[in-house]
Structure formats: C-alpha cells, structure tokens
C-alpha cells in the first residue's frame, strides 16, 4: 500500500512539474530550482521530487548534471511525442517519411563524407545478408542503414527527429513484410539510393526514396 501511495505522489509531482514547463515558468537551458526549493514550493518531500526528476530525465524533458543540478532540456515532452508517433496509421507514417526521409536523403547526397559512405556500405551489406532470412534481424539492420542515410545530411535536428520516428518505421516494415514474400526490387532500390547519394545526385536520391516509401 505504501508503494502505491508513493508512486501516486511521484506521478502528481511529475504532472505539476510538466505543467510548470508548459506554462513557460522555465526556459530551455535554464537551471531548475534545487530539490529542497522544489519540495518547499510543491509541498512534498525531497525524495518525491528526486523521483519525479528521474522520470522527467528519462523522458528527455530534463537533463540532470551530477554535481551541478538539473536543467530544462525541452518544453515539449519527447516521450509524449514518441507516444503520438506510435499511434499514427500506415498512411500517416508514409506521409511523414515522404516529408522527412526523402528530403533528408536529398541533403545527404549533397553533404555526405567518405566516412558516411563507408558506414552506409557496411550497413547495406549487413541488411542485404539478412533480407531473405530472419525478419527481425533484417529490420534492425535496415533501420541502421536508413538512420545513417539521414545522419549523412549532417543536420542534428533531422537525425534526432528520424531517431524518434524509427520505432514507427520498424512497425510499418514488420506489417508490410509480413504481408507477402520479400521482393528483390525493394533491396535493389536501397542499392540505387546509395549509388545516387554516392554520386551526389540529390534529385535522383529523393525520387528513389519516394519510390521505396511507396512500395507495398
């Protein structure tokens, strides 16, 4: 019973802190009040504040720096963003990929480095080796390849957005690849996309990516 009450208090504290963030009480990068200060303001124990801050740190809203205090990392809870992404339909996921992934890969064709290309070739070799075998292994390798393509755009914001989205992508791949036999043209499109990126052909890279996204 004690554990249930304690957890309830922590949840209440988390909600109060989230409300303060949403109201603009603190700005991104600002050092938050200390645990004793928050405990006094909220009328709860320091232990409850500490547990609440751990929850917020896990969700990515707060950054805890040992020996320095806690800082506001974002004003929108990334965990809630991930939850919203997980509820999108296959059609919605495809639309997001067209907007985010295709454009990012176009930038990758213009900005990729030799080191990027090396990592992309390695990732494609790994995913190709699993394409006709274990589905989970293939999808895990394929996600690495796609993430490296987006990372090659050298835009940290795009990379982070895609990293959040990768869980949805994994789900859509599972759904589509369980529906029927694995088709060689899908794997061939991956190779052609990498070739376009390697050749610096942004428009071809985007067009091929859109074709891949539209594959059933």
Foldseek 3Di string as FASTA:
>chain_A
DVVVVLVVLLVVLLVVVLVCLLVPVDDAFDFDDALVVSCVVVVHDSVSVVSNVVVQVVQVQWDQDPPPHIGGHDSDRNNVVLVVLQPDDLVVLLVCCLVQQLQLLLLLLQQADPVLLVQLVVLLVQLVVPQQHDPVSNLVSVLSNSLSSSCSSVDVVSSVVVVSNSVVVSVSSVVVCVVDPRDPVLSVLSVVLSVSSPVSPSVSNSVSSNVNSPDD
